[in-house]
């Protein structure tokens, strides 16, 4: 019976569904006072987060809400106040108005808070912060919570930036190991190092994969598993192997990868494969430093 249950759990993980046991376990964890962030992090690392609990779990792990329930109302009042002050300031300066896309408004708020909103700063320019925010706005309804989550996820993006040398080397090493033919083709055509890994990794593949598939990867990111981006890249290349092998220059390669943006089924298979490969490569060994944000 135990083997059968394990088989079902593995199957559910591959197809993106959650077993009853895992959901009940998470509900028990979310009732603990105070919340045990270590256990919640481990849940994110091991399982796909049920949609109904994603808001609470991400807010907790990203430090938007504190682990102590008695502090939550006060902390959120402060978050709302900061949000409203930033928004009021931007409207007073006529940097944003009612027609400004929400993702750009949040980006301008972040720039203002970081003291980077200098005169003439173009808030319509591409940014990793904006790319992350656009995905979050598709997942969550509360713009205030989304702003604070975006700030925390961008901190993770900065961690990726600091580790890009190691992450790039790891990408090439694992690709060579998993698909030597694909590795040789990309290298011989001078396309391997042309991959914009920094942009894709720092935005956690926002705009590259469809949002329904992407959030399962972001469950792991919220648990601090930033290294999973490497395995997503590997699976993208492996999933598109036949098409990639026909590419002989950077332009055709980028067009090939860009073609999966609206292919939901392909994106789901990429994510399934990436999570499986990540787990096989000891993906549970995430980086704990500053990943679990605590509030009292």
Protein backbone atom coordinates (compact mmCIF):
# COMPACT_ATOMS: atom_id res chain seq x y z
CA UNK A 1 0.00 0.00 0.00
CA UNK A 2 2.86 2.38 0.84
CA UNK A 3 4.47 1.82 -2.55
CA UNK A 4 1.17 2.48 -4.29
CA UNK A 5 0.73 5.72 -2.34
CA UNK A 6 4.25 6.83 -3.24
CA UNK A 7 3.59 6.05 -6.87
CA UNK A 8 0.44 8.17 -6.81
CA UNK A 9 2.27 11.06 -5.15
CA UNK A 10 4.97 10.93 -7.83
CA UNK A 11 2.34 10.87 -10.56
CA UNK A 12 0.43 13.80 -9.06
CA UNK A 13 3.66 15.82 -8.87
CA UNK A 14 4.42 15.18 -12.54
CA UNK A 15 1.00 16.29 -13.75
CA UNK A 16 0.87 19.26 -11.42
CA UNK A 17 -1.89 17.99 -9.13
CA UNK A 18 -1.68 17.62 -5.38
CA UNK A 19 -2.54 14.57 -3.38
CA UNK A 20 -4.93 14.83 -0.49
CA UNK A 21 -2.18 14.00 2.01
CA UNK A 22 0.03 16.89 0.91
CA UNK A 23 -2.83 19.40 0.97
CA UNK A 24 -3.85 18.36 4.45
CA UNK A 25 -0.24 18.56 5.62
CA UNK A 26 0.04 22.12 4.33
CA UNK A 27 -3.21 23.14 6.00
CA UNK A 28 -1.87 21.83 9.30
CA UNK A 29 1.37 23.79 8.83
CA UNK A 30 -0.56 26.99 8.08
CA UNK A 31 -2.45 26.64 11.36
CA UNK A 32 0.71 26.56 13.47
CA UNK A 33 1.34 29.59 15.70
CA UNK A 34 3.80 31.00 14.93
CA UNK A 35 4.23 29.72 11.40
CA UNK A 36 7.23 27.46 10.96
CA UNK A 37 8.95 28.94 7.91
CA UNK A 38 11.45 26.10 7.72
CA UNK A 39 8.67 23.53 7.32
CA UNK A 40 6.79 25.74 4.85
CA UNK A 41 9.96 26.17 2.82
CA UNK A 42 10.46 22.42 2.74
CA UNK A 43 6.89 22.00 1.50
CA UNK A 44 7.53 24.42 -1.36
CA UNK A 45 10.71 22.55 -2.26
CA UNK A 46 9.05 19.13 -2.30
CA UNK A 47 5.55 19.79 -3.64
CA UNK A 48 3.45 22.00 -5.88
CA UNK A 49 1.55 24.55 -3.80
CA UNK A 50 -2.26 24.23 -4.05
CA UNK A 51 -3.73 27.31 -5.69
CA UNK A 52 -6.05 27.98 -2.76
CA UNK A 53 -3.09 28.33 -0.37
CA UNK A 54 -0.58 30.04 -2.65
CA UNK A 55 -1.36 33.60 -1.54
CA UNK A 56 -0.90 32.84 2.16
CA UNK A 57 2.19 30.70 1.63
CA UNK A 58 4.01 33.05 -0.73
CA UNK A 59 3.21 36.06 1.47
CA UNK A 60 4.66 34.24 4.47
CA UNK A 61 7.79 32.94 2.76
CA UNK A 62 8.50 36.24 1.03
CA UNK A 63 8.19 38.16 4.28
CA UNK A 64 5.13 40.16 3.29
CA UNK A 65 3.21 38.93 6.34
CA UNK A 66 4.80 38.03 9.70
CA UNK A 67 4.86 34.55 11.22
CA UNK A 68 3.04 35.78 14.34
CA UNK A 69 -0.67 36.19 13.69
CA UNK A 70 -1.02 38.93 16.33
CA UNK A 71 1.33 41.14 14.32
CA UNK A 72 -0.26 40.62 10.90
CA UNK A 73 -2.92 43.32 11.01
CA UNK A 74 -0.44 45.95 12.19
CA UNK A 75 2.22 44.95 9.65
CA UNK A 76 -0.27 45.01 6.78
CA UNK A 77 -1.56 48.42 7.90
CA UNK A 78 2.00 49.72 7.61
CA UNK A 79 2.44 48.09 4.20
CA UNK A 80 -0.80 49.67 2.97
CA UNK A 81 0.28 53.06 4.29
CA UNK A 82 3.65 52.90 2.54
CA UNK A 83 1.99 51.76 -0.69
CA UNK A 84 -0.55 54.59 -0.60
CA UNK A 85 2.11 57.20 0.20
CA UNK A 86 4.24 56.06 -2.74
CA UNK A 87 1.27 56.04 -5.08
CA UNK A 88 0.14 59.49 -3.95
CA UNK A 89 3.64 60.88 -4.48
CA UNK A 90 3.84 59.46 -8.01
CA UNK A 91 0.47 60.93 -8.94
CA UNK A 92 1.41 64.30 -7.44
CA UNK A 93 4.59 64.31 -9.53
CA UNK A 94 2.48 63.27 -12.55
CA UNK A 95 4.70 60.29 -13.21
CA UNK A 96 1.71 57.93 -13.27
CA UNK A 97 -2.00 58.37 -13.84
CA UNK A 98 -5.12 56.23 -14.22
CA UNK A 99 -3.97 55.01 -17.64
CA UNK A 100 -0.55 53.78 -16.51
CA UNK A 101 -0.33 49.96 -16.53
CA UNK A 102 -0.24 48.57 -13.00
CA UNK A 103 3.10 46.84 -13.56
CA UNK A 104 4.65 50.21 -14.49
CA UNK A 105 3.05 51.89 -11.49
CA UNK A 106 4.57 49.31 -9.16
CA UNK A 107 7.92 49.66 -10.90
CA UNK A 108 7.84 53.45 -10.43
CA UNK A 109 6.91 52.97 -6.77
CA UNK A 110 9.86 50.65 -6.30
CA UNK A 111 12.22 53.12 -8.01
CA UNK A 112 10.94 55.91 -5.79
CA UNK A 113 11.37 53.85 -2.65
CA UNK A 114 14.90 52.89 -3.73
CA UNK A 115 15.67 56.56 -4.50
CA UNK A 116 16.34 55.72 -8.14
CA UNK A 117 13.48 57.68 -9.69
CA UNK A 118 15.56 60.55 -10.98
CA UNK A 119 14.29 63.24 -13.36
CA UNK A 120 13.70 61.81 -16.83
CA UNK A 121 13.79 58.16 -15.70
CA UNK A 122 11.85 56.10 -18.24
CA UNK A 123 9.48 53.78 -16.35
CA UNK A 124 8.45 52.08 -19.61
CA UNK A 125 11.89 50.55 -20.13
CA UNK A 126 12.31 46.80 -19.81
CA UNK A 127 13.30 45.63 -16.35
CA UNK A 128 13.46 42.38 -14.42
CA UNK A 129 11.29 43.96 -11.74
CA UNK A 130 8.56 44.70 -14.29
CA UNK A 131 8.75 41.22 -15.81
CA UNK A 132 8.35 39.63 -12.39
CA UNK A 133 5.51 41.98 -11.47
CA UNK A 134 3.53 41.22 -14.63
CA UNK A 135 3.42 37.53 -13.72
CA UNK A 136 2.45 38.24 -10.11
CA UNK A 137 -0.41 40.47 -11.27
CA UNK A 138 -1.76 37.52 -13.28
CA UNK A 139 -1.68 35.30 -10.20
CA UNK A 140 -2.85 37.57 -7.38
CA UNK A 141 -5.67 40.09 -7.07
CA UNK A 142 -4.29 42.33 -4.32
CA UNK A 143 -1.98 44.95 -5.84
CA UNK A 144 -0.57 45.94 -2.45
CA UNK A 145 0.49 42.38 -1.60
CA UNK A 146 1.77 41.98 -5.15
CA UNK A 147 4.03 45.01 -4.76
CA UNK A 148 5.64 43.64 -1.60
CA UNK A 149 6.00 40.16 -3.08
CA UNK A 150 7.60 41.64 -6.19
CA UNK A 151 10.16 43.44 -4.02
CA UNK A 152 11.13 40.20 -2.28
CA UNK A 153 11.30 38.20 -5.50
CA UNK A 154 13.48 40.91 -6.99
CA UNK A 155 15.85 40.42 -4.05
CA UNK A 156 16.09 36.79 -5.20
CA UNK A 157 16.79 38.10 -8.69
CA UNK A 158 19.70 40.07 -7.28
CA UNK A 159 20.98 36.85 -5.69
CA UNK A 160 20.85 35.24 -9.14
CA UNK A 161 22.82 38.15 -10.55
CA UNK A 162 25.57 37.60 -7.99
CA UNK A 163 25.67 33.88 -8.80
CA UNK A 164 25.42 34.18 -12.60
CA UNK A 165 28.97 32.97 -13.26
CA UNK A 166 28.38 29.77 -11.32
CA UNK A 167 24.87 29.29 -12.72
CA UNK A 168 26.10 29.70 -16.31
CA UNK A 169 28.90 27.19 -15.79
CA UNK A 170 26.45 24.77 -14.17
CA UNK A 171 24.10 25.14 -17.15
CA UNK A 172 26.81 24.23 -19.66
CA UNK A 173 28.07 21.34 -17.51
CA UNK A 174 24.65 19.74 -17.04
CA UNK A 175 23.67 20.23 -20.68
CA UNK A 176 26.89 18.53 -21.78
CA UNK A 177 26.14 15.66 -19.42
CA UNK A 178 22.44 15.28 -20.27
CA UNK A 179 22.60 15.85 -24.04
CA UNK A 180 26.11 15.95 -25.43
CA UNK A 181 24.91 16.17 -29.04
CA UNK A 182 22.84 19.25 -28.32
CA UNK A 183 25.70 20.79 -26.36
CA UNK A 184 28.18 20.24 -29.20
CA UNK A 185 25.76 21.69 -31.79
CA UNK A 186 25.12 24.86 -29.79
CA UNK A 187 28.80 25.30 -29.03
CA UNK A 188 29.99 24.68 -32.60
CA UNK A 189 27.47 27.22 -33.95
CA UNK A 190 28.57 29.77 -31.35
CA UNK A 191 25.09 29.82 -29.86
CA UNK A 192 25.72 28.42 -26.40
CA UNK A 193 27.22 31.52 -24.82
CA UNK A 194 24.80 33.68 -26.83
CA UNK A 195 21.87 32.49 -24.75
CA UNK A 196 20.63 35.43 -22.63
CA UNK A 197 20.86 33.40 -19.45
CA UNK A 198 21.20 36.43 -17.20
CA UNK A 199 17.95 37.99 -18.44
CA UNK A 200 16.00 34.74 -18.33
CA UNK A 201 17.36 33.62 -14.98
CA UNK A 202 16.95 36.99 -13.30
CA UNK A 203 13.31 37.23 -14.39
CA UNK A 204 12.76 33.53 -13.59
CA UNK A 205 11.60 32.94 -17.19
CA UNK A 206 8.81 35.51 -17.03
CA UNK A 207 7.70 36.10 -20.60
CA UNK A 208 9.41 32.91 -21.77
CA UNK A 209 7.00 30.34 -20.34
CA UNK A 210 3.26 30.71 -19.84
CA UNK A 211 2.11 31.80 -16.41
CA UNK A 212 0.17 28.62 -15.39
CA UNK A 213 3.32 26.52 -15.86
CA UNK A 214 5.65 29.20 -14.53
CA UNK A 215 4.07 29.46 -11.08
CA UNK A 216 5.09 25.87 -10.28
CA UNK A 217 8.71 26.91 -10.78
CA UNK A 218 8.13 30.04 -8.71
CA UNK A 219 6.85 27.85 -5.86
CA UNK A 220 10.40 26.52 -5.68
CA UNK A 221 11.90 30.01 -6.05
CA UNK A 222 9.84 31.18 -3.07
CA UNK A 223 11.38 28.30 -1.16
CA UNK A 224 14.82 29.66 -2.00
CA UNK A 225 15.64 27.16 -4.77
CA UNK A 226 17.07 29.68 -7.23
CA UNK A 227 19.24 26.98 -8.79
CA UNK A 228 16.16 25.47 -10.42
CA UNK A 229 16.43 28.07 -13.22
CA UNK A 230 19.35 26.05 -14.62
CA UNK A 231 17.19 22.97 -15.03
CA UNK A 232 14.37 24.94 -16.64
CA UNK A 233 16.86 26.11 -19.27
CA UNK A 234 18.11 22.58 -19.84
CA UNK A 235 14.57 21.27 -20.31
CA UNK A 236 13.65 24.07 -22.72
CA UNK A 237 16.55 23.07 -24.94
CA UNK A 238 15.83 19.36 -24.61
CA UNK A 239 12.11 19.77 -25.29
CA UNK A 240 12.89 21.78 -28.43
CA UNK A 241 15.79 19.51 -29.39
CA UNK A 242 14.76 18.79 -32.99
CA UNK A 243 14.03 22.43 -33.69
CA UNK A 244 17.19 23.61 -31.95
CA UNK A 245 19.36 21.23 -33.99
CA UNK A 246 18.01 22.89 -37.14
CA UNK A 247 19.05 26.33 -35.89
CA UNK A 248 22.38 27.58 -37.21
CA UNK A 249 22.46 31.12 -35.80
CA UNK A 250 21.38 33.08 -32.78
CA UNK A 251 18.34 34.64 -34.43
CA UNK A 252 16.80 31.31 -35.38
CA UNK A 253 17.55 29.91 -31.91
CA UNK A 254 15.84 32.80 -30.16
CA UNK A 255 12.84 32.54 -32.47
CA UNK A 256 12.66 28.84 -31.70
CA UNK A 257 12.60 29.40 -27.96
CA UNK A 258 10.21 32.33 -28.30
CA UNK A 259 7.73 30.02 -30.06
CA UNK A 260 6.90 28.19 -26.82
CA UNK A 261 5.53 31.31 -25.13
CA UNK A 262 1.97 30.44 -26.10
CA UNK A 263 2.32 26.65 -26.08
CA UNK A 264 0.77 25.70 -22.75
CA UNK A 265 1.18 21.95 -23.17
CA UNK A 266 4.85 22.34 -24.08
CA UNK A 267 5.42 24.65 -21.11
CA UNK A 268 3.83 22.12 -18.76
CA UNK A 269 6.09 19.35 -20.05
CA UNK A 270 9.15 21.62 -19.69
CA UNK A 271 8.28 22.39 -16.07
CA UNK A 272 7.57 18.74 -15.26
CA UNK A 273 10.91 17.72 -16.76
CA UNK A 274 12.79 20.58 -15.08
CA UNK A 275 11.48 19.72 -11.63
CA UNK A 276 12.29 16.04 -12.12
CA UNK A 277 15.81 16.77 -13.37
CA UNK A 278 16.37 19.28 -10.57
CA UNK A 279 15.34 16.69 -7.98
CA UNK A 280 17.61 14.10 -9.54
CA UNK A 281 20.50 16.54 -9.22
CA UNK A 282 19.91 17.13 -5.51
CA UNK A 283 17.78 20.16 -6.21
CA UNK A 284 16.55 20.07 -2.62
CA UNK A 285 19.88 21.57 -1.58
CA UNK A 286 18.67 25.15 -1.89
CA UNK A 287 20.51 28.25 -0.70
CA UNK A 288 19.13 29.18 2.76
CA UNK A 289 20.99 32.49 3.10
CA UNK A 290 18.42 35.29 3.35
CA UNK A 291 15.90 33.14 1.51
CA UNK A 292 13.48 32.73 4.37
CA UNK A 293 12.45 36.21 5.41
CA UNK A 294 11.18 36.47 8.97
CA UNK A 295 9.02 39.10 10.59
CA UNK A 296 8.01 39.21 14.25
